[in-house]
PDB file of N, CA and C in Angstrom:
ATOM      1  N   MET A   1     -35.542   6.344  -9.738  1.00  0.00           N
ATOM      2  CA  MET A   1     -33.931   6.424  -9.280  1.00  0.00           C
ATOM      3  C   MET A   1     -33.787   8.164  -8.865  1.00  0.00           C
ATOM      4  N   ARG A   2     -34.332   9.259  -9.163  1.00  0.00           N
ATOM      5  CA  ARG A   2     -34.039  10.522  -8.614  1.00  0.00           C
ATOM      6  C   ARG A   2     -33.820  10.824  -7.347  1.00  0.00           C
ATOM      7  N   ASP A   3     -34.046   9.740  -6.318  1.00  0.00           N
ATOM      8  CA  ASP A   3     -33.712   9.723  -5.279  1.00  0.00           C
ATOM      9  C   ASP A   3     -31.916   8.676  -4.725  1.00  0.00           C
ATOM     10  N   LEU A   4     -31.869   8.395  -5.691  1.00  0.00           N
ATOM     11  CA  LEU A   4     -30.012   7.826  -5.747  1.00  0.00           C
ATOM     12  C   LEU A   4     -29.082   8.982  -5.462  1.00  0.00           C
ATOM     13  N   TYR A   5     -28.761   8.608  -4.510  1.00  0.00           N
ATOM     14  CA  TYR A   5     -27.648   9.832  -4.198  1.00  0.00           C
ATOM     15  C   TYR A   5     -26.183   9.134  -3.397  1.00  0.00           C
ATOM     16  N   LEU A   6     -25.891   8.032  -3.469  1.00  0.00           N
ATOM     17  CA  LEU A   6     -25.033   7.536  -3.084  1.00  0.00           C
ATOM     18  C   LEU A   6     -24.632   6.080  -3.972  1.00  0.00           C
ATOM     19  N   VAL A   7     -23.395   5.858  -4.219  1.00  0.00           N
ATOM     20  CA  VAL A   7     -22.797   4.875  -4.859  1.00  0.00           C
ATOM     21  C   VAL A   7     -21.737   4.149  -4.290  1.00  0.00           C
ATOM     22  N   VAL A   8     -21.446   3.181  -3.711  1.00  0.00           N
ATOM     23  CA  VAL A   8     -19.954   2.762  -3.016  1.00  0.00           C
ATOM     24  C   VAL A   8     -20.013   1.708  -3.625  1.00  0.00           C
ATOM     25  N   LEU A   9     -18.222   1.787  -4.277  1.00  0.00           N
ATOM     26  CA  LEU A   9     -17.793   0.486  -5.068  1.00  0.00           C
ATOM     27  C   LEU A   9     -16.595   0.233  -4.462  1.00  0.00           C
ATOM     28  N   ARG A  10     -16.326  -1.212  -3.969  1.00  0.00           N
ATOM     29  CA  ARG A  10     -15.537  -1.680  -3.245  1.00  0.00           C
ATOM     30  C   ARG A  10     -14.475  -2.124  -4.485  1.00  0.00           C
ATOM     31  N   CYS A  11     -13.642  -1.653  -4.047  1.00  0.00           N
ATOM     32  CA  CYS A  11     -12.307  -1.576  -5.676  1.00  0.00           C
ATOM     33  C   CYS A  11     -10.915  -2.752  -4.736  1.00  0.00           C
ATOM     34  N   ARG A  12     -10.455  -3.215  -5.789  1.00  0.00           N
ATOM     35  CA  ARG A  12      -9.155  -3.845  -5.344  1.00  0.00           C
ATOM     36  C   ARG A  12      -8.236  -2.614  -5.567  1.00  0.00           C
ATOM     37  N   ASP A  13      -8.077  -1.840  -6.846  1.00  0.00           N
ATOM     38  CA  ASP A  13      -6.637  -1.185  -6.674  1.00  0.00           C
ATOM     39  C   ASP A  13      -7.809   0.162  -6.929  1.00  0.00           C
ATOM     40  N   ILE A  14      -8.176   1.512  -5.623  1.00  0.00           N
ATOM     41  CA  ILE A  14      -8.675   2.379  -5.961  1.00  0.00           C
ATOM     42  C   ILE A  14      -7.951   3.373  -6.871  1.00  0.00           C
ATOM     43  N   GLU A  15      -6.926   3.699  -6.611  1.00  0.00           N
ATOM     44  CA  GLU A  15      -6.032   4.161  -7.822  1.00  0.00           C
ATOM     45  C   GLU A  15      -6.358   4.246  -8.999  1.00  0.00           C
ATOM     46  N   LYS A  16      -6.439   3.033  -9.689  1.00  0.00           N
ATOM     47  CA  LYS A  16      -6.336   2.585 -11.150  1.00  0.00           C
ATOM     48  C   LYS A  16      -8.463   2.754 -11.046  1.00  0.00           C
ATOM     49  N   THR A  17      -9.060   2.444 -10.264  1.00  0.00           N
ATOM     50  CA  THR A  17     -10.560   2.687 -10.157  1.00  0.00           C
ATOM     51  C   THR A  17     -10.928   4.894 -10.369  1.00  0.00           C
ATOM     52  N   LYS A  18     -10.241   4.844  -9.507  1.00  0.00           N
ATOM     53  CA  LYS A  18     -10.484   6.447  -9.481  1.00  0.00           C
ATOM     54  C   LYS A  18      -9.716   7.166 -10.725  1.00  0.00           C
ATOM     55  N   ALA A  19      -8.264   6.340 -11.351  1.00  0.00           N
ATOM     56  CA  ALA A  19      -8.334   6.981 -12.593  1.00  0.00           C
ATOM     57  C   ALA A  19      -9.529   6.728 -13.948  1.00  0.00           C
ATOM     58  N   PHE A  20      -9.802   5.954 -13.578  1.00  0.00           N
ATOM     59  CA  PHE A  20     -10.797   5.460 -14.701  1.00  0.00           C
ATOM     60  C   PHE A  20     -12.147   6.336 -14.864  1.00  0.00           C
ATOM     61  N   TYR A  21     -12.593   6.822 -13.223  1.00  0.00           N
ATOM     62  CA  TYR A  21     -14.421   7.590 -13.171  1.00  0.00           C
ATOM     63  C   TYR A  21     -13.702   8.871 -13.240  1.00  0.00           C
ATOM     64  N   GLU A  22     -12.079   9.111 -13.286  1.00  0.00           N
ATOM     65  CA  GLU A  22     -11.886  10.727 -13.568  1.00  0.00           C
ATOM     66  C   GLU A  22     -12.604  11.187 -15.154  1.00  0.00           C
ATOM     67  N   HIS A  23     -12.363  10.339 -15.848  1.00  0.00           N
ATOM     68  CA  HIS A  23     -12.567  10.083 -17.642  1.00  0.00           C
ATOM     69  C   HIS A  23     -14.206  10.916 -17.605  1.00  0.00           C
ATOM     70  N   PHE A  24     -14.804  10.587 -16.658  1.00  0.00           N
ATOM     71  CA  PHE A  24     -16.490  11.487 -16.559  1.00  0.00           C
ATOM     72  C   PHE A  24     -16.176  12.559 -15.970  1.00  0.00           C
ATOM     73  N   GLY A  25     -15.119  13.375 -15.985  1.00  0.00           N
ATOM     74  CA  GLY A  25     -14.964  14.747 -15.476  1.00  0.00           C
ATOM     75  C   GLY A  25     -14.982  14.624 -13.550  1.00  0.00           C
ATOM     76  N   MET A  26     -15.188  13.811 -12.847  1.00  0.00           N
ATOM     77  CA  MET A  26     -15.126  13.329 -11.836  1.00  0.00           C
ATOM     78  C   MET A  26     -13.854  13.859 -11.206  1.00  0.00           C
ATOM     79  N   THR A  27     -13.945  14.901 -10.112  1.00  0.00           N
ATOM     80  CA  THR A  27     -12.696  14.766  -9.115  1.00  0.00           C
ATOM     81  C   THR A  27     -13.096  14.421  -7.760  1.00  0.00           C
ATOM     82  N   PHE A  28     -12.363  13.666  -7.152  1.00  0.00           N
ATOM     83  CA  PHE A  28     -12.149  12.925  -6.052  1.00  0.00           C
ATOM     84  C   PHE A  28     -11.477  13.423  -4.835  1.00  0.00           C
ATOM     85  N   GLN A  29     -11.906  13.625  -3.719  1.00  0.00           N
ATOM     86  CA  GLN A  29     -11.326  13.764  -2.594  1.00  0.00           C
ATOM     87  C   GLN A  29     -10.580  12.480  -1.350  1.00  0.00           C
ATOM     88  N   LEU A  30      -9.929  12.719  -1.362  1.00  0.00           N
ATOM     89  CA  LEU A  30      -9.817  11.707   0.224  1.00  0.00           C
ATOM     90  C   LEU A  30     -10.122  11.621   1.052  1.00  0.00           C
ATOM     91  N   GLU A  31     -10.934  10.739   1.628  1.00  0.00           N
ATOM     92  CA  GLU A  31     -11.540  11.024   2.799  1.00  0.00           C
ATOM     93  C   GLU A  31     -11.300   9.693   3.832  1.00  0.00           C
ATOM     94  N   GLN A  32     -11.962   9.761   5.231  1.00  0.00           N
ATOM     95  CA  GLN A  32     -11.518   8.779   6.158  1.00  0.00           C
ATOM     96  C   GLN A  32     -12.512   9.453   7.351  1.00  0.00           C
ATOM     97  N   HIS A  33     -13.585   8.091   7.458  1.00  0.00           N
ATOM     98  CA  HIS A  33     -14.988   8.576   8.594  1.00  0.00           C
ATOM     99  C   HIS A  33     -14.682   7.754   9.434  1.00  0.00           C
ATOM    100  N   GLY A  34     -14.284   8.423  10.883  1.00  0.00           N
ATOM    101  CA  GLY A  34     -14.112   7.965  11.999  1.00  0.00           C
ATOM    102  C   GLY A  34     -12.636   7.354  11.861  1.00  0.00           C
ATOM    103  N   ASN A  35     -12.409   5.919  12.155  1.00  0.00           N
ATOM    104  CA  ASN A  35     -11.502   4.785  12.152  1.00  0.00           C
ATOM    105  C   ASN A  35     -11.727   4.137  11.001  1.00  0.00           C
ATOM    106  N   GLY A  36     -12.677   4.323  10.092  1.00  0.00           N
ATOM    107  CA  GLY A  36     -12.834   3.550   9.141  1.00  0.00           C
ATOM    108  C   GLY A  36     -11.359   3.918   8.235  1.00  0.00           C
ATOM    109  N   PRO A  37     -11.897   3.226   6.527  1.00  0.00           N
ATOM    110  CA  PRO A  37     -11.042   3.135   6.024  1.00  0.00           C
ATOM    111  C   PRO A  37     -10.415   4.360   5.043  1.00  0.00           C
ATOM    112  N   LYS A  38      -9.475   4.887   4.370  1.00  0.00           N
ATOM    113  CA  LYS A  38      -9.193   6.053   3.973  1.00  0.00           C
ATOM    114  C   LYS A  38     -10.012   5.550   2.636  1.00  0.00           C
ATOM    115  N   HIS A  39     -10.565   6.410   1.690  1.00  0.00           N
ATOM    116  CA  HIS A  39     -11.514   5.820   0.611  1.00  0.00           C
ATOM    117  C   HIS A  39     -11.726   7.445  -0.299  1.00  0.00           C
ATOM    118  N   TYR A  40     -11.814   7.136  -1.742  1.00  0.00           N
ATOM    119  CA  TYR A  40     -11.931   8.189  -2.301  1.00  0.00           C
ATOM    120  C   TYR A  40     -13.241   9.200  -2.251  1.00  0.00           C
ATOM    121  N   ALA A  41     -14.084   9.820  -2.531  1.00  0.00           N
ATOM    122  CA  ALA A  41     -15.253  10.418  -2.598  1.00  0.00           C
ATOM    123  C   ALA A  41     -15.555  11.377  -3.390  1.00  0.00           C
ATOM    124  N   HIS A  42     -16.635  11.448  -4.718  1.00  0.00           N
ATOM    125  CA  HIS A  42     -16.637  12.581  -5.593  1.00  0.00           C
ATOM    126  C   HIS A  42     -18.507  12.929  -5.187  1.00  0.00           C
ATOM    127  N   ASP A  43     -18.262  14.039  -5.271  1.00  0.00           N
ATOM    128  CA  ASP A  43     -19.653  14.957  -4.632  1.00  0.00           C
ATOM    129  C   ASP A  43     -20.024  15.641  -5.706  1.00  0.00           C
ATOM    130  N   ASP A  44     -21.457  15.856  -5.999  1.00  0.00           N
ATOM    131  CA  ASP A  44     -21.918  16.456  -6.660  1.00  0.00           C
ATOM    132  C   ASP A  44     -23.426  16.725  -6.775  1.00  0.00           C
ATOM    133  N   GLU A  45     -24.040  17.761  -7.612  1.00  0.00           N
ATOM    134  CA  GLU A  45     -25.656  18.236  -7.616  1.00  0.00           C
ATOM    135  C   GLU A  45     -26.352  16.557  -7.912  1.00  0.00           C
ATOM    136  N   GLY A  46     -25.435  15.329  -8.582  1.00  0.00           N
ATOM    137  CA  GLY A  46     -26.278  14.088  -8.884  1.00  0.00           C
ATOM    138  C   GLY A  46     -25.912  13.160  -7.911  1.00  0.00           C
ATOM    139  N   GLY A  47     -25.192  13.456  -6.584  1.00  0.00           N
ATOM    140  CA  GLY A  47     -24.838  12.416  -5.861  1.00  0.00           C
ATOM    141  C   GLY A  47     -23.582  12.336  -5.439  1.00  0.00           C
ATOM    142  N   VAL A  48     -23.374  11.309  -4.869  1.00  0.00           N
ATOM    143  CA  VAL A  48     -21.965  10.822  -4.237  1.00  0.00           C
ATOM    144  C   VAL A  48     -21.626   9.425  -5.031  1.00  0.00           C
ATOM    145  N   LEU A  49     -19.914   9.381  -5.388  1.00  0.00           N
ATOM    146  CA  LEU A  49     -19.488   7.807  -5.723  1.00  0.00           C
ATOM    147  C   LEU A  49     -18.628   7.709  -4.552  1.00  0.00           C
ATOM    148  N   GLU A  50     -18.428   6.957  -3.958  1.00  0.00           N
ATOM    149  CA  GLU A  50     -17.432   6.594  -3.299  1.00  0.00           C
ATOM    150  C   GLU A  50     -16.782   5.346  -3.507  1.00  0.00           C
ATOM    151  N   LEU A  51     -15.153   5.313  -3.385  1.00  0.00           N
ATOM    152  CA  LEU A  51     -14.486   3.892  -3.833  1.00  0.00           C
ATOM    153  C   LEU A  51     -13.701   3.678  -2.790  1.00  0.00           C
ATOM    154  N   TYR A  52     -14.038   2.453  -2.129  1.00  0.00           N
ATOM    155  CA  TYR A  52     -13.351   1.935  -1.026  1.00  0.00           C
ATOM    156  C   TYR A  52     -12.657   0.491  -1.574  1.00  0.00           C
ATOM    157  N   PRO A  53     -11.557   0.551  -0.225  1.00  0.00           N
ATOM    158  CA  PRO A  53     -10.521  -0.260  -0.932  1.00  0.00           C
ATOM    159  C   PRO A  53     -11.142  -1.965  -0.677  1.00  0.00           C
ATOM    160  N   THR A  54     -11.029  -3.277  -1.515  1.00  0.00           N
ATOM    161  CA  THR A  54     -11.071  -4.266  -0.610  1.00  0.00           C
ATOM    162  C   THR A  54     -10.093  -5.190  -1.363  1.00  0.00           C
ATOM    163  N   THR A  55     -10.170  -6.365  -1.153  1.00  0.00           N
ATOM    164  CA  THR A  55      -9.028  -7.614  -1.317  1.00  0.00           C
ATOM    165  C   THR A  55     -10.098  -8.857  -1.892  1.00  0.00           C
ATOM    166  N   GLY A  56     -11.203  -8.104  -1.936  1.00  0.00           N
ATOM    167  CA  GLY A  56     -12.127  -9.068  -2.550  1.00  0.00           C
ATOM    168  C   GLY A  56     -12.052  -9.561  -3.885  1.00  0.00           C
ATOM    169  N   GLY A  57     -12.940 -10.336  -5.181  1.00  0.00           N
ATOM    170  CA  GLY A  57     -13.124 -10.648  -6.273  1.00  0.00           C
ATOM    171  C   GLY A  57     -13.410  -9.178  -6.665  1.00  0.00           C
ATOM    172  N   ALA A  58     -13.978  -9.624  -8.057  1.00  0.00           N
ATOM    173  CA  ALA A  58     -14.798  -9.036  -8.852  1.00  0.00           C
ATOM    174  C   ALA A  58     -15.934  -8.302  -8.434  1.00  0.00           C
ATOM    175  N   ASP A  59     -16.582  -7.067  -8.115  1.00  0.00           N
ATOM    176  CA  ASP A  59     -17.791  -6.709  -7.595  1.00  0.00           C
ATOM    177  C   ASP A  59     -18.850  -6.776  -8.929  1.00  0.00           C
ATOM    178  N   GLN A  60     -19.922  -7.679  -8.803  1.00  0.00           N
ATOM    179  CA  GLN A  60     -21.021  -7.536  -9.900  1.00  0.00           C
ATOM    180  C   GLN A  60     -21.974  -6.685  -9.995  1.00  0.00           C
ATOM    181  N   THR A  61     -21.724  -4.843  -9.733  1.00  0.00           N
ATOM    182  CA  THR A  61     -22.333  -3.681  -9.569  1.00  0.00           C
ATOM    183  C   THR A  61     -21.899  -3.304 -11.230  1.00  0.00           C
ATOM    184  N   GLY A  62     -23.169  -2.722 -11.764  1.00  0.00           N
ATOM    185  CA  GLY A  62     -22.965  -2.434 -12.662  1.00  0.00           C
ATOM    186  C   GLY A  62     -23.727  -0.588 -12.883  1.00  0.00           C
ATOM    187  N   LEU A  63     -23.147   0.086 -13.532  1.00  0.00           N
ATOM    188  CA  LEU A  63     -23.495   1.689 -13.419  1.00  0.00           C
ATOM    189  C   LEU A  63     -23.876   2.036 -14.819  1.00  0.00           C
ATOM    190  N   GLY A  64     -24.617   3.252 -15.041  1.00  0.00           N
ATOM    191  CA  GLY A  64     -24.654   3.658 -16.177  1.00  0.00           C
ATOM    192  C   GLY A  64     -24.743   5.024 -16.426  1.00  0.00           C
ATOM    193  N   PHE A  65     -23.710   5.580 -17.129  1.00  0.00           N
ATOM    194  CA  PHE A  65     -23.668   7.574 -17.241  1.00  0.00           C
ATOM    195  C   PHE A  65     -24.537   8.071 -18.388  1.00  0.00           C
ATOM    196  N   THR A  66     -24.973   8.978 -18.341  1.00  0.00           N
ATOM    197  CA  THR A  66     -24.902   9.697 -19.908  1.00  0.00           C
ATOM    198  C   THR A  66     -24.310  10.651 -20.371  1.00  0.00           C
ATOM    199  N   SER A  67     -23.675  10.981 -21.808  1.00  0.00           N
ATOM    200  CA  SER A  67     -22.842  12.057 -22.273  1.00  0.00           C
ATOM    201  C   SER A  67     -22.991  12.731 -23.050  1.00  0.00           C
ATOM    202  N   THR A  68     -23.201  14.069 -23.258  1.00  0.00           N
ATOM    203  CA  THR A  68     -23.723  14.618 -24.529  1.00  0.00           C
ATOM    204  C   THR A  68     -22.794  14.517 -26.055  1.00  0.00           C
ATOM    205  N   ASP A  69     -21.575  13.890 -25.561  1.00  0.00           N
ATOM    206  CA  ASP A  69     -20.486  13.699 -26.087  1.00  0.00           C
ATOM    207  C   ASP A  69     -19.924  12.153 -26.026  1.00  0.00           C
ATOM    208  N   ILE A  70     -21.078  11.544 -26.399  1.00  0.00           N
ATOM    209  CA  ILE A  70     -20.488   9.596 -26.668  1.00  0.00           C
ATOM    210  C   ILE A  70     -19.359   9.647 -27.428  1.00  0.00           C
ATOM    211  N   GLU A  71     -18.755   9.889 -28.339  1.00  0.00           N
ATOM    212  CA  GLU A  71     -18.319   9.518 -29.480  1.00  0.00           C
ATOM    213  C   GLU A  71     -16.530   9.944 -28.705  1.00  0.00           C
ATOM    214  N   GLY A  72     -16.498  11.386 -27.839  1.00  0.00           N
ATOM    215  CA  GLY A  72     -15.548  11.795 -27.898  1.00  0.00           C
ATOM    216  C   GLY A  72     -15.362  11.179 -26.283  1.00  0.00           C
ATOM    217  N   LEU A  73     -16.045  10.514 -25.275  1.00  0.00           N
ATOM    218  CA  LEU A  73     -15.984   9.962 -24.165  1.00  0.00           C
ATOM    219  C   LEU A  73     -15.135   8.358 -24.608  1.00  0.00           C
ATOM    220  N   ASN A  74     -15.717   7.800 -25.822  1.00  0.00           N
ATOM    221  CA  ASN A  74     -15.152   6.241 -25.922  1.00  0.00           C
ATOM    222  C   ASN A  74     -13.976   6.689 -26.686  1.00  0.00           C
ATOM    223  N   LYS A  75     -13.640   7.508 -27.122  1.00  0.00           N
ATOM    224  CA  LYS A  75     -12.013   7.905 -27.982  1.00  0.00           C
ATOM    225  C   LYS A  75     -11.351   8.131 -26.109  1.00  0.00           C
ATOM    226  N   ARG A  76     -11.866   8.781 -25.381  1.00  0.00           N
ATOM    227  CA  ARG A  76     -10.639   8.911 -24.356  1.00  0.00           C
ATOM    228  C   ARG A  76     -10.779   7.667 -23.544  1.00  0.00           C
ATOM    229  N   PHE A  77     -11.822   6.844 -23.701  1.00  0.00           N
ATOM    230  CA  PHE A  77     -11.472   5.690 -22.984  1.00  0.00           C
ATOM    231  C   PHE A  77     -11.005   4.632 -23.723  1.00  0.00           C
ATOM    232  N   LYS A  78     -10.870   5.054 -24.477  1.00  0.00           N
ATOM    233  CA  LYS A  78      -9.521   4.178 -25.943  1.00  0.00           C
ATOM    234  C   LYS A  78      -8.173   4.631 -25.605  1.00  0.00           C
ATOM    235  N   LEU A  79      -8.166   6.010 -25.437  1.00  0.00           N
ATOM    236  CA  LEU A  79      -6.957   6.528 -25.636  1.00  0.00           C
ATOM    237  C   LEU A  79      -6.074   5.991 -23.987  1.00  0.00           C
ATOM    238  N   GLY A  80      -7.096   6.076 -22.803  1.00  0.00           N
ATOM    239  CA  GLY A  80      -6.660   5.373 -21.552  1.00  0.00           C
ATOM    240  C   GLY A  80      -6.663   4.086 -21.802  1.00  0.00           C
ATOM    241  N   LYS A  81      -6.558   3.039 -22.901  1.00  0.00           N
ATOM    242  CA  LYS A  81      -6.859   1.893 -23.100  1.00  0.00           C
ATOM    243  C   LYS A  81      -7.546   0.898 -21.732  1.00  0.00           C
ATOM    244  N   TYR A  82      -8.759   1.315 -21.954  1.00  0.00           N
ATOM    245  CA  TYR A  82      -9.801   0.596 -21.108  1.00  0.00           C
ATOM    246  C   TYR A  82     -10.592  -0.166 -22.341  1.00  0.00           C
ATOM    247  N   ALA A  83     -10.228  -0.357 -23.625  1.00  0.00           N
ATOM    248  CA  ALA A  83     -10.774  -1.103 -24.287  1.00  0.00           C
ATOM    249  C   ALA A  83     -12.489  -1.078 -24.287  1.00  0.00           C
ATOM    250  N   PRO A  84     -12.834  -0.138 -24.353  1.00  0.00           N
ATOM    251  CA  PRO A  84     -14.222   0.023 -24.937  1.00  0.00           C
ATOM    252  C   PRO A  84     -15.062  -0.340 -25.734  1.00  0.00           C
ATOM    253  N   ARG A  85     -16.712  -1.145 -25.655  1.00  0.00           N
ATOM    254  CA  ARG A  85     -17.167  -1.472 -27.009  1.00  0.00           C
ATOM    255  C   ARG A  85     -17.252  -0.699 -28.194  1.00  0.00           C
ATOM    256  N   GLU A  86     -17.448  -0.527 -29.657  1.00  0.00           N
ATOM    257  CA  GLU A  86     -17.827   0.248 -30.193  1.00  0.00           C
ATOM    258  C   GLU A  86     -19.109   0.958 -29.862  1.00  0.00           C
ATOM    259  N   VAL A  87     -19.436   2.180 -30.419  1.00  0.00           N
ATOM    260  CA  VAL A  87     -20.805   3.045 -29.956  1.00  0.00           C
ATOM    261  C   VAL A  87     -21.526   2.110 -30.670  1.00  0.00           C
ATOM    262  N   ARG A  88     -23.058   1.966 -30.778  1.00  0.00           N
ATOM    263  CA  ARG A  88     -23.728   1.303 -31.405  1.00  0.00           C
ATOM    264  C   ARG A  88     -25.380   1.909 -30.989  1.00  0.00           C
ATOM    265  N   ALA A  89     -26.056   1.749 -31.536  1.00  0.00           N
ATOM    266  CA  ALA A  89     -27.312   2.089 -31.699  1.00  0.00           C
ATOM    267  C   ALA A  89     -28.384   1.137 -30.746  1.00  0.00           C
ATOM    268  N   THR A  90     -29.264   1.161 -29.993  1.00  0.00           N
ATOM    269  CA  THR A  90     -29.271   0.214 -28.810  1.00  0.00           C
ATOM    270  C   THR A  90     -31.438   1.024 -28.826  1.00  0.00           C
ATOM    271  N   GLU A  91     -32.044   0.406 -28.620  1.00  0.00           N
ATOM    272  CA  GLU A  91     -33.458   0.553 -28.215  1.00  0.00           C
ATOM    273  C   GLU A  91     -33.439   1.981 -27.290  1.00  0.00           C
ATOM    274  N   MET A  92     -32.479   2.156 -26.645  1.00  0.00           N
ATOM    275  CA  MET A  92     -32.781   2.804 -25.418  1.00  0.00           C
ATOM    276  C   MET A  92     -31.558   4.281 -25.711  1.00  0.00           C
ATOM    277  N   GLY A  93     -31.121   4.546 -27.191  1.00  0.00           N
ATOM    278  CA  GLY A  93     -30.469   5.161 -27.701  1.00  0.00           C
ATOM    279  C   GLY A  93     -29.248   4.824 -28.382  1.00  0.00           C
ATOM    280  N   ARG A  94     -28.041   5.772 -28.312  1.00  0.00           N
ATOM    281  CA  ARG A  94     -26.472   5.176 -29.246  1.00  0.00           C
ATOM    282  C   ARG A  94     -26.032   5.306 -27.830  1.00  0.00           C
ATOM    283  N   GLN A  95     -24.970   4.033 -27.457  1.00  0.00           N
ATOM    284  CA  GLN A  95     -24.404   3.686 -26.468  1.00  0.00           C
ATOM    285  C   GLN A  95     -22.985   2.813 -26.405  1.00  0.00           C
ATOM    286  N   PHE A  96     -22.276   2.450 -25.691  1.00  0.00           N
ATOM    287  CA  PHE A  96     -21.446   1.968 -25.336  1.00  0.00           C
ATOM    288  C   PHE A  96     -21.144   1.179 -23.913  1.00  0.00           C
ATOM    289  N   VAL A  97     -20.685   0.377 -23.998  1.00  0.00           N
ATOM    290  CA  VAL A  97     -19.886  -0.336 -22.489  1.00  0.00           C
ATOM    291  C   VAL A  97     -18.355  -0.544 -22.532  1.00  0.00           C
ATOM    292  N   VAL A  98     -18.089  -0.479 -21.293  1.00  0.00           N
ATOM    293  CA  VAL A  98     -16.512  -0.414 -20.893  1.00  0.00           C
ATOM    294  C   VAL A  98     -16.645  -1.010 -19.722  1.00  0.00           C
ATOM    295  N   LEU A  99     -15.609  -2.318 -19.625  1.00  0.00           N
ATOM    296  CA  LEU A  99     -15.306  -2.290 -17.928  1.00  0.00           C
ATOM    297  C   LEU A  99     -14.379  -1.371 -17.185  1.00  0.00           C
ATOM    298  N   ASP A 100     -14.765  -1.173 -15.732  1.00  0.00           N
ATOM    299  CA  ASP A 100     -14.138  -0.269 -14.896  1.00  0.00           C
ATOM    300  C   ASP A 100     -12.269  -1.108 -14.667  1.00  0.00           C
ATOM    301  N   PRO A 101     -11.694  -1.316 -13.790  1.00  0.00           N
ATOM    302  CA  PRO A 101     -10.188  -2.005 -13.950  1.00  0.00           C
ATOM    303  C   PRO A 101     -10.992  -3.349 -13.064  1.00  0.00           C
ATOM    304  N   ASP A 102     -11.840  -3.035 -12.147  1.00  0.00           N
ATOM    305  CA  ASP A 102     -12.642  -4.143 -11.394  1.00  0.00           C
ATOM    306  C   ASP A 102     -13.106  -5.194 -12.401  1.00  0.00           C
ATOM    307  N   GLY A 103     -14.103  -4.899 -13.320  1.00  0.00           N
ATOM    308  CA  GLY A 103     -14.467  -5.575 -13.848  1.00  0.00           C
ATOM    309  C   GLY A 103     -15.799  -5.522 -14.004  1.00  0.00           C
ATOM    310  N   ARG A 104     -16.611  -3.916 -13.628  1.00  0.00           N
ATOM    311  CA  ARG A 104     -17.707  -3.743 -13.355  1.00  0.00           C
ATOM    312  C   ARG A 104     -18.283  -3.265 -15.113  1.00  0.00           C
ATOM    313  N   ARG A 105     -19.496  -3.484 -15.109  1.00  0.00           N
ATOM    314  CA  ARG A 105     -19.607  -3.186 -16.905  1.00  0.00           C
ATOM    315  C   ARG A 105     -20.147  -1.825 -16.382  1.00  0.00           C
ATOM    316  N   VAL A 106     -19.658  -0.768 -17.082  1.00  0.00           N
ATOM    317  CA  VAL A 106     -20.322   0.562 -17.117  1.00  0.00           C
ATOM    318  C   VAL A 106     -20.664   0.938 -18.358  1.00  0.00           C
ATOM    319  N   GLU A 107     -22.237   1.131 -18.699  1.00  0.00           N
ATOM    320  CA  GLU A 107     -22.723   1.619 -19.645  1.00  0.00           C
ATOM    321  C   GLU A 107     -22.870   3.317 -19.871  1.00  0.00           C
ATOM    322  N   VAL A 108     -22.756   3.560 -21.312  1.00  0.00           N
ATOM    323  CA  VAL A 108     -22.599   5.260 -21.368  1.00  0.00           C
ATOM    324  C   VAL A 108     -23.424   5.265 -22.651  1.00  0.00           C
ATOM    325  N   THR A 109     -24.737   5.925 -22.105  1.00  0.00           N
ATOM    326  CA  THR A 109     -25.369   6.203 -23.455  1.00  0.00           C
ATOM    327  C   THR A 109     -25.651   7.716 -23.450  1.00  0.00           C
ATOM    328  N   GLU A 110     -25.892   8.109 -24.774  1.00  0.00           N
ATOM    329  CA  GLU A 110     -26.234   9.306 -25.416  1.00  0.00           C
ATOM    330  C   GLU A 110     -27.128  10.262 -24.969  1.00  0.00           C
ATOM    331  N   ARG A 111     -26.804  11.543 -24.247  1.00  0.00           N
ATOM    332  CA  ARG A 111     -27.806  12.026 -23.607  1.00  0.00           C
ATOM    333  C   ARG A 111     -27.959  13.437 -24.614  1.00  0.00           C
ATOM    334  N   MET A 112     -29.443  13.283 -25.087  1.00  0.00           N
ATOM    335  CA  MET A 112     -29.942  14.516 -26.015  1.00  0.00           C
ATOM    336  C   MET A 112     -29.880  15.573 -25.397  1.00  0.00           C
ATOM    337  N   GLU A 113     -29.280  16.770 -25.892  1.00  0.00           N
ATOM    338  CA  GLU A 113     -29.183  18.403 -25.482  1.00  0.00           C
ATOM    339  C   GLU A 113     -30.640  18.573 -25.240  1.00  0.00           C
ATOM    340  N   SER A 114     -31.108  19.533 -24.577  1.00  0.00           N
ATOM    341  CA  SER A 114     -32.698  19.851 -24.333  1.00  0.00           C
ATOM    342  C   SER A 114     -33.411  20.514 -25.846  1.00  0.00           C
ATOM    343  N   THR A 115     -32.422  20.771 -26.689  1.00  0.00           N
ATOM    344  CA  THR A 115     -32.475  21.531 -27.516  1.00  0.00           C
ATOM    345  C   THR A 115     -32.979  20.462 -28.618  1.00  0.00           C
ATOM    346  N   ASP A 116     -32.422  19.299 -28.723  1.00  0.00           N
ATOM    347  CA  ASP A 116     -32.430  18.097 -29.212  1.00  0.00           C
ATOM    348  C   ASP A 116     -33.384  17.123 -29.315  1.00  0.00           C
ATOM    349  N   VAL A 117     -34.427  17.663 -28.299  1.00  0.00           N
ATOM    350  CA  VAL A 117     -35.684  17.023 -27.564  1.00  0.00           C
ATOM    351  C   VAL A 117     -37.010  17.273 -28.846  1.00  0.00           C
ATOM    352  N   PRO A 118     -37.741  16.220 -29.513  1.00  0.00           N
ATOM    353  CA  PRO A 118     -38.639  16.706 -30.481  1.00  0.00           C
ATOM    354  C   PRO A 118     -39.561  17.064 -29.404  1.00  0.00           C
ATOM    355  N   ALA A 119     -40.466  17.997 -30.273  1.00  0.00           N
ATOM    356  CA  ALA A 119     -41.532  19.225 -29.580  1.00  0.00           C
ATOM    357  C   ALA A 119     -42.745  18.683 -29.421  1.00  0.00           C
TER     358      ALA A 119
END
């Protein structure tokens, strides 16, 4: 997955979806390629996330993010009225799941600080 650099999501309401992903600290720019549709793009060292408009049904794309502040992020989603599930211990570490405005499953897993990794 280290070569993954672009994720394109089709969104029924790109403004609501943009606000959701901004909780991860992403900053989006409005773009348009040629005469294609206007859309939002976040670009950083990890890759590009683009949000395009659609009138179709819910997208079944699932996403996963890591966070060193999983409790704080869960709280921010609750305050944003996104109804995340509670943080729980799993075989992959502590995590929670939240649905974005288009019903996509977004899994958030706790990322260990490099100093927390056993030698």
